[in-house]
PDB file of all heavy atoms in Angstrom:
ATOM      1  N   LEU A   1      -0.404  14.157   1.632  1.00  0.00           N
ATOM      2  CA  LEU A   1       0.710  15.062   1.752  1.00  0.00           C
ATOM      3  C   LEU A   1       1.683  14.902   0.573  1.00  0.00           C
ATOM      4  O   LEU A   1       2.505  15.846   0.262  1.00  0.00           O
ATOM      5  CB  LEU A   1       1.559  14.640   3.115  1.00  0.00           C
ATOM      6  CG  LEU A   1       0.669  14.896   4.343  1.00  0.00           C
ATOM      7  CD1 LEU A   1       1.438  14.383   5.520  1.00  0.00           C
ATOM      8  CD2 LEU A   1       0.552  16.446   4.579  1.00  0.00           C
ATOM      9  N   VAL A   2       1.720  13.742  -0.121  1.00  0.00           N
ATOM     10  CA  VAL A   2       2.531  13.516  -1.228  1.00  0.00           C
ATOM     11  C   VAL A   2       1.798  13.467  -2.495  1.00  0.00           C
ATOM     12  O   VAL A   2       1.015  12.431  -2.644  1.00  0.00           O
ATOM     13  CB  VAL A   2       3.429  12.263  -1.035  1.00  0.00           C
ATOM     14  CG1 VAL A   2       4.346  11.954  -2.191  1.00  0.00           C
ATOM     15  CG2 VAL A   2       4.291  12.387   0.181  1.00  0.00           C
ATOM     16  N   ALA A   3       1.900  14.407  -3.423  1.00  0.00           N
ATOM     17  CA  ALA A   3       1.017  14.474  -4.567  1.00  0.00           C
ATOM     18  C   ALA A   3       1.036  13.251  -5.417  1.00  0.00           C
ATOM     19  O   ALA A   3       0.033  12.725  -5.919  1.00  0.00           O
ATOM     20  CB  ALA A   3       1.318  15.655  -5.323  1.00  0.00           C
ATOM     21  N   VAL A   4       2.273  12.699  -5.694  1.00  0.00           N
ATOM     22  CA  VAL A   4       2.429  11.592  -6.665  1.00  0.00           C
ATOM     23  C   VAL A   4       2.073  10.211  -6.030  1.00  0.00           C
ATOM     24  O   VAL A   4       2.168   9.212  -6.622  1.00  0.00           O
ATOM     25  CB  VAL A   4       3.860  11.564  -7.187  1.00  0.00           C
ATOM     26  CG1 VAL A   4       4.095  12.884  -7.943  1.00  0.00           C
ATOM     27  CG2 VAL A   4       4.922  11.237  -6.146  1.00  0.00           C
ATOM     28  N   GLY A   5       1.675  10.201  -4.786  1.00  0.00           N
ATOM     29  CA  GLY A   5       1.489   9.011  -4.066  1.00  0.00           C
ATOM     30  C   GLY A   5       0.583   8.024  -4.730  1.00  0.00           C
ATOM     31  O   GLY A   5       0.892   6.711  -4.891  1.00  0.00           O
ATOM     32  N   PRO A   6      -0.532   8.353  -5.335  1.00  0.00           N
ATOM     33  CA  PRO A   6      -1.511   7.464  -6.006  1.00  0.00           C
ATOM     34  C   PRO A   6      -0.877   6.731  -7.183  1.00  0.00           C
ATOM     35  O   PRO A   6      -1.395   5.656  -7.559  1.00  0.00           O
ATOM     36  CB  PRO A   6      -2.706   8.351  -6.348  1.00  0.00           C
ATOM     37  CG  PRO A   6      -2.643   9.389  -5.415  1.00  0.00           C
ATOM     38  CD  PRO A   6      -1.187   9.697  -5.161  1.00  0.00           C
ATOM     39  N   THR A   7       0.159   7.276  -7.803  1.00  0.00           N
ATOM     40  CA  THR A   7       0.853   6.600  -8.912  1.00  0.00           C
ATOM     41  C   THR A   7       1.325   5.269  -8.464  1.00  0.00           C
ATOM     42  O   THR A   7       1.362   4.364  -9.217  1.00  0.00           O
ATOM     43  CB  THR A   7       1.987   7.477  -9.463  1.00  0.00           C
ATOM     44  OG1 THR A   7       1.436   8.722  -9.899  1.00  0.00           O
ATOM     45  CG2 THR A   7       2.769   6.867 -10.597  1.00  0.00           C
ATOM     46  N   TYR A   8       1.751   5.166  -7.175  1.00  0.00           N
ATOM     47  CA  TYR A   8       2.326   3.952  -6.629  1.00  0.00           C
ATOM     48  C   TYR A   8       1.308   3.199  -5.802  1.00  0.00           C
ATOM     49  O   TYR A   8       1.345   1.935  -5.744  1.00  0.00           O
ATOM     50  CB  TYR A   8       3.561   4.315  -5.828  1.00  0.00           C
ATOM     51  CG  TYR A   8       4.504   5.022  -6.693  1.00  0.00           C
ATOM     52  CD1 TYR A   8       4.578   6.395  -6.830  1.00  0.00           C
ATOM     53  CD2 TYR A   8       5.623   4.368  -7.387  1.00  0.00           C
ATOM     54  CE1 TYR A   8       5.472   7.110  -7.690  1.00  0.00           C
ATOM     55  CE2 TYR A   8       6.471   4.968  -8.114  1.00  0.00           C
ATOM     56  CZ  TYR A   8       6.491   6.372  -8.307  1.00  0.00           C
ATOM     57  OH  TYR A   8       7.401   7.075  -9.042  1.00  0.00           O
ATOM     58  N   PHE A   9       0.470   3.840  -4.984  1.00  0.00           N
ATOM     59  CA  PHE A   9      -0.376   3.263  -4.082  1.00  0.00           C
ATOM     60  C   PHE A   9      -1.879   3.710  -4.209  1.00  0.00           C
ATOM     61  O   PHE A   9      -2.584   3.688  -3.212  1.00  0.00           O
ATOM     62  CB  PHE A   9       0.163   3.597  -2.636  1.00  0.00           C
ATOM     63  CG  PHE A   9       1.580   3.411  -2.436  1.00  0.00           C
ATOM     64  CD1 PHE A   9       2.540   4.452  -2.182  1.00  0.00           C
ATOM     65  CD2 PHE A   9       2.098   2.076  -2.454  1.00  0.00           C
ATOM     66  CE1 PHE A   9       3.814   4.211  -2.110  1.00  0.00           C
ATOM     67  CE2 PHE A   9       3.449   1.830  -2.315  1.00  0.00           C
ATOM     68  CZ  PHE A   9       4.299   2.989  -2.089  1.00  0.00           C
ATOM     69  N   GLY A  10      -2.301   3.990  -5.361  1.00  0.00           N
ATOM     70  CA  GLY A  10      -3.628   4.536  -5.569  1.00  0.00           C
ATOM     71  C   GLY A  10      -4.738   3.490  -5.441  1.00  0.00           C
ATOM     72  O   GLY A  10      -5.843   3.861  -5.208  1.00  0.00           O
ATOM     73  N   ASN A  11      -4.271   2.324  -5.350  1.00  0.00           N
ATOM     74  CA  ASN A  11      -5.339   1.166  -5.203  1.00  0.00           C
ATOM     75  C   ASN A  11      -5.409   0.813  -3.687  1.00  0.00           C
ATOM     76  O   ASN A  11      -6.240  -0.077  -3.318  1.00  0.00           O
ATOM     77  CB  ASN A  11      -4.932  -0.083  -6.002  1.00  0.00           C
ATOM     78  CG  ASN A  11      -3.560  -0.591  -5.514  1.00  0.00           C
ATOM     79  OD1 ASN A  11      -2.633   0.119  -5.068  1.00  0.00           O
ATOM     80  ND2 ASN A  11      -3.351  -1.978  -5.663  1.00  0.00           N
ATOM     81  N   PHE A  12      -4.791   1.408  -2.829  1.00  0.00           N
ATOM     82  CA  PHE A  12      -4.787   1.270  -1.342  1.00  0.00           C
ATOM     83  C   PHE A  12      -6.081   1.750  -0.845  1.00  0.00           C
ATOM     84  O   PHE A  12      -6.445   2.875  -1.150  1.00  0.00           O
ATOM     85  CB  PHE A  12      -3.630   1.763  -0.622  1.00  0.00           C
ATOM     86  CG  PHE A  12      -2.314   1.040  -0.724  1.00  0.00           C
ATOM     87  CD1 PHE A  12      -2.165  -0.070  -1.669  1.00  0.00           C
ATOM     88  CD2 PHE A  12      -1.290   1.247  -0.028  1.00  0.00           C
ATOM     89  CE1 PHE A  12      -1.071  -0.714  -1.918  1.00  0.00           C
ATOM     90  CE2 PHE A  12      -0.029   0.610  -0.149  1.00  0.00           C
ATOM     91  CZ  PHE A  12       0.026  -0.426  -1.127  1.00  0.00           C
ATOM     92  N   THR A  13      -6.825   1.160   0.129  1.00  0.00           N
ATOM     93  CA  THR A  13      -7.936   1.628   0.764  1.00  0.00           C
ATOM     94  C   THR A  13      -7.797   1.868   2.209  1.00  0.00           C
ATOM     95  O   THR A  13      -8.497   2.646   2.900  1.00  0.00           O
ATOM     96  CB  THR A  13      -9.218   0.879   0.396  1.00  0.00           C
ATOM     97  OG1 THR A  13      -8.954  -0.447   0.933  1.00  0.00           O
ATOM     98  CG2 THR A  13      -9.515   0.824  -1.021  1.00  0.00           C
ATOM     99  N   ALA A  14      -6.806   1.135   2.868  1.00  0.00           N
ATOM    100  CA  ALA A  14      -6.587   1.181   4.302  1.00  0.00           C
ATOM    101  C   ALA A  14      -5.243   0.594   4.522  1.00  0.00           C
ATOM    102  O   ALA A  14      -4.757  -0.413   3.926  1.00  0.00           O
ATOM    103  CB  ALA A  14      -7.661   0.407   5.118  1.00  0.00           C
ATOM    104  N   VAL A  15      -4.571   1.200   5.544  1.00  0.00           N
ATOM    105  CA  VAL A  15      -3.261   0.652   6.052  1.00  0.00           C
ATOM    106  C   VAL A  15      -3.264   0.739   7.546  1.00  0.00           C
ATOM    107  O   VAL A  15      -3.490   1.847   8.047  1.00  0.00           O
ATOM    108  CB  VAL A  15      -2.048   1.449   5.456  1.00  0.00           C
ATOM    109  CG1 VAL A  15      -0.763   0.779   5.953  1.00  0.00           C
ATOM    110  CG2 VAL A  15      -2.047   1.321   3.933  1.00  0.00           C
ATOM    111  N   GLU A  16      -3.072  -0.323   8.320  1.00  0.00           N
ATOM    112  CA  GLU A  16      -3.151  -0.227   9.786  1.00  0.00           C
ATOM    113  C   GLU A  16      -2.128  -1.059  10.385  1.00  0.00           C
ATOM    114  O   GLU A  16      -1.781  -2.190   9.843  1.00  0.00           O
ATOM    115  CB  GLU A  16      -4.560  -0.581  10.237  1.00  0.00           C
ATOM    116  CG  GLU A  16      -5.024  -1.959   9.943  1.00  0.00           C
ATOM    117  CD  GLU A  16      -6.326  -2.287  10.547  1.00  0.00           C
ATOM    118  OE1 GLU A  16      -6.595  -1.871  11.770  1.00  0.00           O
ATOM    119  OE2 GLU A  16      -7.139  -2.871   9.819  1.00  0.00           O
ATOM    120  N   ALA A  17      -1.579  -0.623  11.544  1.00  0.00           N
ATOM    121  CA  ALA A  17      -0.667  -1.421  12.280  1.00  0.00           C
ATOM    122  C   ALA A  17      -1.518  -2.418  13.162  1.00  0.00           C
ATOM    123  O   ALA A  17      -2.264  -1.908  14.015  1.00  0.00           O
ATOM    124  CB  ALA A  17       0.209  -0.492  13.249  1.00  0.00           C
ATOM    125  N   VAL A  18      -1.326  -3.715  12.966  1.00  0.00           N
ATOM    126  CA  VAL A  18      -2.053  -4.671  13.748  1.00  0.00           C
ATOM    127  C   VAL A  18      -1.496  -4.903  14.961  1.00  0.00           C
ATOM    128  O   VAL A  18      -2.270  -4.972  16.039  1.00  0.00           O
ATOM    129  CB  VAL A  18      -2.156  -5.956  12.820  1.00  0.00           C
ATOM    130  CG1 VAL A  18      -2.897  -7.099  13.651  1.00  0.00           C
ATOM    131  CG2 VAL A  18      -2.882  -5.744  11.545  1.00  0.00           C
ATOM    132  N   ASP A  19      -0.196  -5.062  15.156  1.00  0.00           N
ATOM    133  CA  ASP A  19       0.522  -5.143  16.400  1.00  0.00           C
ATOM    134  C   ASP A  19       1.906  -4.609  16.268  1.00  0.00           C
ATOM    135  O   ASP A  19       2.132  -3.944  15.130  1.00  0.00           O
ATOM    136  CB  ASP A  19       0.539  -6.634  16.797  1.00  0.00           C
ATOM    137  CG  ASP A  19       1.059  -7.560  15.779  1.00  0.00           C
ATOM    138  OD1 ASP A  19       2.046  -7.266  15.068  1.00  0.00           O
ATOM    139  OD2 ASP A  19       0.494  -8.678  15.727  1.00  0.00           O
ATOM    140  N   GLU A  20       2.825  -4.865  17.149  1.00  0.00           N
ATOM    141  CA  GLU A  20       4.139  -4.196  16.936  1.00  0.00           C
ATOM    142  C   GLU A  20       4.968  -4.559  15.741  1.00  0.00           C
ATOM    143  O   GLU A  20       5.870  -3.893  15.423  1.00  0.00           O
ATOM    144  CB  GLU A  20       4.898  -4.459  18.249  1.00  0.00           C
ATOM    145  CG  GLU A  20       5.346  -5.926  18.532  1.00  0.00           C
ATOM    146  CD  GLU A  20       6.146  -6.040  19.735  1.00  0.00           C
ATOM    147  OE1 GLU A  20       6.303  -5.178  20.499  1.00  0.00           O
ATOM    148  OE2 GLU A  20       6.774  -7.236  19.957  1.00  0.00           O
ATOM    149  N   ASP A  21       4.650  -5.754  15.220  1.00  0.00           N
ATOM    150  CA  ASP A  21       5.561  -6.200  14.108  1.00  0.00           C
ATOM    151  C   ASP A  21       4.681  -6.583  12.789  1.00  0.00           C
ATOM    152  O   ASP A  21       5.204  -7.316  11.930  1.00  0.00           O
ATOM    153  CB  ASP A  21       6.414  -7.277  14.434  1.00  0.00           C
ATOM    154  CG  ASP A  21       5.722  -8.573  14.857  1.00  0.00           C
ATOM    155  OD1 ASP A  21       4.457  -8.564  14.980  1.00  0.00           O
ATOM    156  OD2 ASP A  21       6.409  -9.527  15.160  1.00  0.00           O
ATOM    157  N   THR A  22       3.402  -6.137  12.728  1.00  0.00           N
ATOM    158  CA  THR A  22       2.525  -6.572  11.601  1.00  0.00           C
ATOM    159  C   THR A  22       1.793  -5.265  11.163  1.00  0.00           C
ATOM    160  O   THR A  22       1.201  -4.642  11.928  1.00  0.00           O
ATOM    161  CB  THR A  22       1.541  -7.611  12.027  1.00  0.00           C
ATOM    162  OG1 THR A  22       2.257  -8.762  12.665  1.00  0.00           O
ATOM    163  CG2 THR A  22       0.903  -8.153  10.746  1.00  0.00           C
ATOM    164  N   VAL A  23       1.713  -5.166   9.826  1.00  0.00           N
ATOM    165  CA  VAL A  23       0.968  -3.999   9.168  1.00  0.00           C
ATOM    166  C   VAL A  23      -0.021  -4.740   8.193  1.00  0.00           C
ATOM    167  O   VAL A  23       0.432  -5.572   7.286  1.00  0.00           O
ATOM    168  CB  VAL A  23       1.852  -3.017   8.530  1.00  0.00           C
ATOM    169  CG1 VAL A  23       0.977  -1.907   7.856  1.00  0.00           C
ATOM    170  CG2 VAL A  23       2.694  -2.448   9.562  1.00  0.00           C
ATOM    171  N   LEU A  24      -1.256  -4.362   8.240  1.00  0.00           N
ATOM    172  CA  LEU A  24      -2.269  -4.960   7.295  1.00  0.00           C
ATOM    173  C   LEU A  24      -2.574  -3.788   6.260  1.00  0.00           C
ATOM    174  O   LEU A  24      -2.956  -2.706   6.494  1.00  0.00           O
ATOM    175  CB  LEU A  24      -3.511  -5.299   8.005  1.00  0.00           C
ATOM    176  CG  LEU A  24      -4.644  -5.797   7.171  1.00  0.00           C
ATOM    177  CD1 LEU A  24      -4.245  -7.186   6.550  1.00  0.00           C
ATOM    178  CD2 LEU A  24      -5.905  -5.913   7.943  1.00  0.00           C
ATOM    179  N   PHE A  25      -2.411  -4.323   4.972  1.00  0.00           N
ATOM    180  CA  PHE A  25      -2.745  -3.355   3.812  1.00  0.00           C
ATOM    181  C   PHE A  25      -4.002  -3.918   3.092  1.00  0.00           C
ATOM    182  O   PHE A  25      -4.134  -5.131   2.831  1.00  0.00           O
ATOM    183  CB  PHE A  25      -1.618  -3.376   2.795  1.00  0.00           C
ATOM    184  CG  PHE A  25      -0.423  -2.798   3.294  1.00  0.00           C
ATOM    185  CD1 PHE A  25       0.461  -3.503   4.162  1.00  0.00           C
ATOM    186  CD2 PHE A  25       0.047  -1.491   2.911  1.00  0.00           C
ATOM    187  CE1 PHE A  25       1.626  -3.028   4.576  1.00  0.00           C
ATOM    188  CE2 PHE A  25       1.206  -0.919   3.377  1.00  0.00           C
ATOM    189  CZ  PHE A  25       1.989  -1.642   4.162  1.00  0.00           C
ATOM    190  N   THR A  26      -4.968  -3.020   2.872  1.00  0.00           N
ATOM    191  CA  THR A  26      -6.208  -3.363   2.138  1.00  0.00           C
ATOM    192  C   THR A  26      -6.290  -2.679   0.806  1.00  0.00           C
ATOM    193  O   THR A  26      -5.917  -1.419   0.815  1.00  0.00           O
ATOM    194  CB  THR A  26      -7.428  -3.047   2.936  1.00  0.00           C
ATOM    195  OG1 THR A  26      -7.359  -3.659   4.266  1.00  0.00           O
ATOM    196  CG2 THR A  26      -8.718  -3.568   2.263  1.00  0.00           C
ATOM    197  N   THR A  27      -6.505  -3.362  -0.279  1.00  0.00           N
ATOM    198  CA  THR A  27      -6.610  -2.776  -1.576  1.00  0.00           C
ATOM    199  C   THR A  27      -7.941  -2.764  -2.104  1.00  0.00           C
ATOM    200  O   THR A  27      -8.849  -3.650  -1.644  1.00  0.00           O
ATOM    201  CB  THR A  27      -5.632  -3.547  -2.514  1.00  0.00           C
ATOM    202  OG1 THR A  27      -6.007  -4.875  -2.618  1.00  0.00           O
ATOM    203  CG2 THR A  27      -4.135  -3.431  -2.023  1.00  0.00           C
ATOM    204  N   SER A  28      -8.268  -1.978  -3.043  1.00  0.00           N
ATOM    205  CA  SER A  28      -9.583  -1.962  -3.706  1.00  0.00           C
ATOM    206  C   SER A  28      -9.942  -3.067  -4.559  1.00  0.00           C
ATOM    207  O   SER A  28     -11.063  -3.380  -4.797  1.00  0.00           O
ATOM    208  CB  SER A  28      -9.736  -0.593  -4.537  1.00  0.00           C
ATOM    209  OG  SER A  28      -8.701  -0.585  -5.529  1.00  0.00           O
ATOM    210  N   ALA A  29      -8.935  -3.815  -4.980  1.00  0.00           N
ATOM    211  CA  ALA A  29      -9.088  -5.103  -5.829  1.00  0.00           C
ATOM    212  C   ALA A  29      -7.898  -5.861  -5.668  1.00  0.00           C
ATOM    213  O   ALA A  29      -6.877  -5.433  -5.172  1.00  0.00           O
ATOM    214  CB  ALA A  29      -9.293  -4.622  -7.294  1.00  0.00           C
ATOM    215  N   PRO A  30      -7.878  -7.085  -6.114  1.00  0.00           N
ATOM    216  CA  PRO A  30      -6.707  -7.958  -6.137  1.00  0.00           C
ATOM    217  C   PRO A  30      -5.614  -7.157  -6.775  1.00  0.00           C
ATOM    218  O   PRO A  30      -5.756  -6.447  -7.846  1.00  0.00           O
ATOM    219  CB  PRO A  30      -7.068  -9.210  -6.975  1.00  0.00           C
ATOM    220  CG  PRO A  30      -8.618  -9.282  -6.693  1.00  0.00           C
ATOM    221  CD  PRO A  30      -9.033  -7.871  -6.656  1.00  0.00           C
ATOM    222  N   ASP A  31      -4.350  -7.269  -6.207  1.00  0.00           N
ATOM    223  CA  ASP A  31      -3.212  -6.479  -6.672  1.00  0.00           C
ATOM    224  C   ASP A  31      -2.135  -7.388  -7.109  1.00  0.00           C
ATOM    225  O   ASP A  31      -1.464  -8.142  -6.276  1.00  0.00           O
ATOM    226  CB  ASP A  31      -2.769  -5.583  -5.471  1.00  0.00           C
ATOM    227  CG  ASP A  31      -1.674  -4.608  -5.953  1.00  0.00           C
ATOM    228  OD1 ASP A  31      -1.102  -4.832  -7.072  1.00  0.00           O
ATOM    229  OD2 ASP A  31      -1.337  -3.701  -5.192  1.00  0.00           O
ATOM    230  N   PRO A  32      -1.792  -7.447  -8.445  1.00  0.00           N
ATOM    231  CA  PRO A  32      -0.903  -8.364  -9.023  1.00  0.00           C
ATOM    232  C   PRO A  32       0.604  -7.953  -8.678  1.00  0.00           C
ATOM    233  O   PRO A  32       1.490  -8.822  -8.764  1.00  0.00           O
ATOM    234  CB  PRO A  32      -1.079  -8.394 -10.469  1.00  0.00           C
ATOM    235  CG  PRO A  32      -1.709  -6.982 -10.726  1.00  0.00           C
ATOM    236  CD  PRO A  32      -2.511  -6.806  -9.511  1.00  0.00           C
ATOM    237  N   ILE A  33       0.822  -6.730  -8.234  1.00  0.00           N
ATOM    238  CA  ILE A  33       2.149  -6.301  -8.093  1.00  0.00           C
ATOM    239  C   ILE A  33       2.429  -5.640  -6.560  1.00  0.00           C
ATOM    240  O   ILE A  33       3.223  -4.881  -6.443  1.00  0.00           O
ATOM    241  CB  ILE A  33       2.591  -5.369  -9.072  1.00  0.00           C
ATOM    242  CG1 ILE A  33       1.604  -4.163  -9.206  1.00  0.00           C
ATOM    243  CG2 ILE A  33       2.782  -6.080 -10.460  1.00  0.00           C
ATOM    244  CD1 ILE A  33       2.072  -2.974 -10.073  1.00  0.00           C
ATOM    245  N   PHE A  34       1.536  -6.123  -5.711  1.00  0.00           N
ATOM    246  CA  PHE A  34       1.613  -5.493  -4.358  1.00  0.00           C
ATOM    247  C   PHE A  34       3.074  -5.339  -3.842  1.00  0.00           C
ATOM    248  O   PHE A  34       3.606  -4.262  -3.493  1.00  0.00           O
ATOM    249  CB  PHE A  34       0.747  -6.192  -3.362  1.00  0.00           C
ATOM    250  CG  PHE A  34       0.828  -5.674  -1.914  1.00  0.00           C
ATOM    251  CD1 PHE A  34       0.140  -4.541  -1.525  1.00  0.00           C
ATOM    252  CD2 PHE A  34       1.687  -6.345  -1.052  1.00  0.00           C
ATOM    253  CE1 PHE A  34       0.285  -4.162  -0.262  1.00  0.00           C
ATOM    254  CE2 PHE A  34       1.809  -5.852   0.173  1.00  0.00           C
ATOM    255  CZ  PHE A  34       1.123  -4.833   0.643  1.00  0.00           C
ATOM    256  N   PRO A  35       3.837  -6.382  -3.618  1.00  0.00           N
ATOM    257  CA  PRO A  35       5.192  -6.313  -3.133  1.00  0.00           C
ATOM    258  C   PRO A  35       6.187  -5.444  -3.897  1.00  0.00           C
ATOM    259  O   PRO A  35       6.901  -4.718  -3.334  1.00  0.00           O
ATOM    260  CB  PRO A  35       5.790  -7.785  -3.074  1.00  0.00           C
ATOM    261  CG  PRO A  35       4.576  -8.655  -3.162  1.00  0.00           C
ATOM    262  CD  PRO A  35       3.573  -7.797  -4.044  1.00  0.00           C
ATOM    263  N   SER A  36       6.017  -5.407  -5.185  1.00  0.00           N
ATOM    264  CA  SER A  36       6.895  -4.566  -6.002  1.00  0.00           C
ATOM    265  C   SER A  36       6.667  -3.109  -5.868  1.00  0.00           C
ATOM    266  O   SER A  36       7.560  -2.260  -6.124  1.00  0.00           O
ATOM    267  CB  SER A  36       6.699  -4.996  -7.533  1.00  0.00           C
ATOM    268  OG  SER A  36       7.123  -6.360  -7.766  1.00  0.00           O
ATOM    269  N   ARG A  37       5.582  -2.720  -5.351  1.00  0.00           N
ATOM    270  CA  ARG A  37       5.215  -1.282  -5.233  1.00  0.00           C
ATOM    271  C   ARG A  37       6.206  -0.628  -4.200  1.00  0.00           C
ATOM    272  O   ARG A  37       6.438   0.572  -4.282  1.00  0.00           O
ATOM    273  CB  ARG A  37       3.769  -1.190  -4.722  1.00  0.00           C
ATOM    274  CG  ARG A  37       2.701  -1.567  -5.790  1.00  0.00           C
ATOM    275  CD  ARG A  37       1.374  -1.177  -5.179  1.00  0.00           C
ATOM    276  NE  ARG A  37       0.384  -1.750  -6.216  1.00  0.00           N
ATOM    277  CZ  ARG A  37       0.033  -1.093  -7.351  1.00  0.00           C
ATOM    278  NH1 ARG A  37       0.627   0.096  -7.676  1.00  0.00           N
ATOM    279  NH2 ARG A  37      -0.880  -1.662  -8.101  1.00  0.00           N
ATOM    280  N   PHE A  38       6.741  -1.459  -3.287  1.00  0.00           N
ATOM    281  CA  PHE A  38       7.578  -0.802  -2.192  1.00  0.00           C
ATOM    282  C   PHE A  38       9.042  -0.840  -2.544  1.00  0.00           C
ATOM    283  O   PHE A  38       9.891  -0.416  -1.772  1.00  0.00           O
ATOM    284  CB  PHE A  38       7.393  -1.736  -0.958  1.00  0.00           C
ATOM    285  CG  PHE A  38       5.947  -1.711  -0.526  1.00  0.00           C
ATOM    286  CD1 PHE A  38       5.115  -2.712  -0.718  1.00  0.00           C
ATOM    287  CD2 PHE A  38       5.380  -0.622   0.191  1.00  0.00           C
ATOM    288  CE1 PHE A  38       3.708  -2.793  -0.315  1.00  0.00           C
ATOM    289  CE2 PHE A  38       3.991  -0.610   0.538  1.00  0.00           C
ATOM    290  CZ  PHE A  38       3.217  -1.654   0.337  1.00  0.00           C
ATOM    291  N   THR A  39       9.358  -1.311  -3.823  1.00  0.00           N
ATOM    292  CA  THR A  39      10.758  -1.325  -4.191  1.00  0.00           C
ATOM    293  C   THR A  39      11.187  -0.106  -4.861  1.00  0.00           C
ATOM    294  O   THR A  39      12.282   0.176  -5.158  1.00  0.00           O
ATOM    295  CB  THR A  39      11.025  -2.520  -5.146  1.00  0.00           C
ATOM    296  OG1 THR A  39      10.250  -2.312  -6.379  1.00  0.00           O
ATOM    297  CG2 THR A  39      10.587  -3.890  -4.622  1.00  0.00           C
ATOM    298  N   THR A  40      10.128   0.792  -5.056  1.00  0.00           N
ATOM    299  CA  THR A  40      10.454   2.116  -5.626  1.00  0.00           C
ATOM    300  C   THR A  40      10.973   3.070  -4.622  1.00  0.00           C
ATOM    301  O   THR A  40      10.825   2.889  -3.421  1.00  0.00           O
ATOM    302  CB  THR A  40       9.217   2.673  -6.343  1.00  0.00           C
ATOM    303  OG1 THR A  40       8.301   3.099  -5.288  1.00  0.00           O
ATOM    304  CG2 THR A  40       8.493   1.633  -7.205  1.00  0.00           C
ATOM    305  N   THR A  41      11.411   4.307  -5.045  1.00  0.00           N
ATOM    306  CA  THR A  41      11.700   5.350  -4.099  1.00  0.00           C
ATOM    307  C   THR A  41      10.587   5.799  -3.200  1.00  0.00           C
ATOM    308  O   THR A  41      10.752   6.227  -1.984  1.00  0.00           O
ATOM    309  CB  THR A  41      12.397   6.480  -4.870  1.00  0.00           C
ATOM    310  OG1 THR A  41      12.911   7.514  -3.911  1.00  0.00           O
ATOM    311  CG2 THR A  41      11.165   7.278  -5.668  1.00  0.00           C
TER     312      THR A  41
END
């Protein structure tokens, strides 16, 4: 739905809610800047 999404999250392969307060992110390869990706708009 958001065209520019892969610029920030293009290495994601899956995102799922594990339980009410945990979300699991899977990436295509080790990600050296995973937490920083969410500091952007």
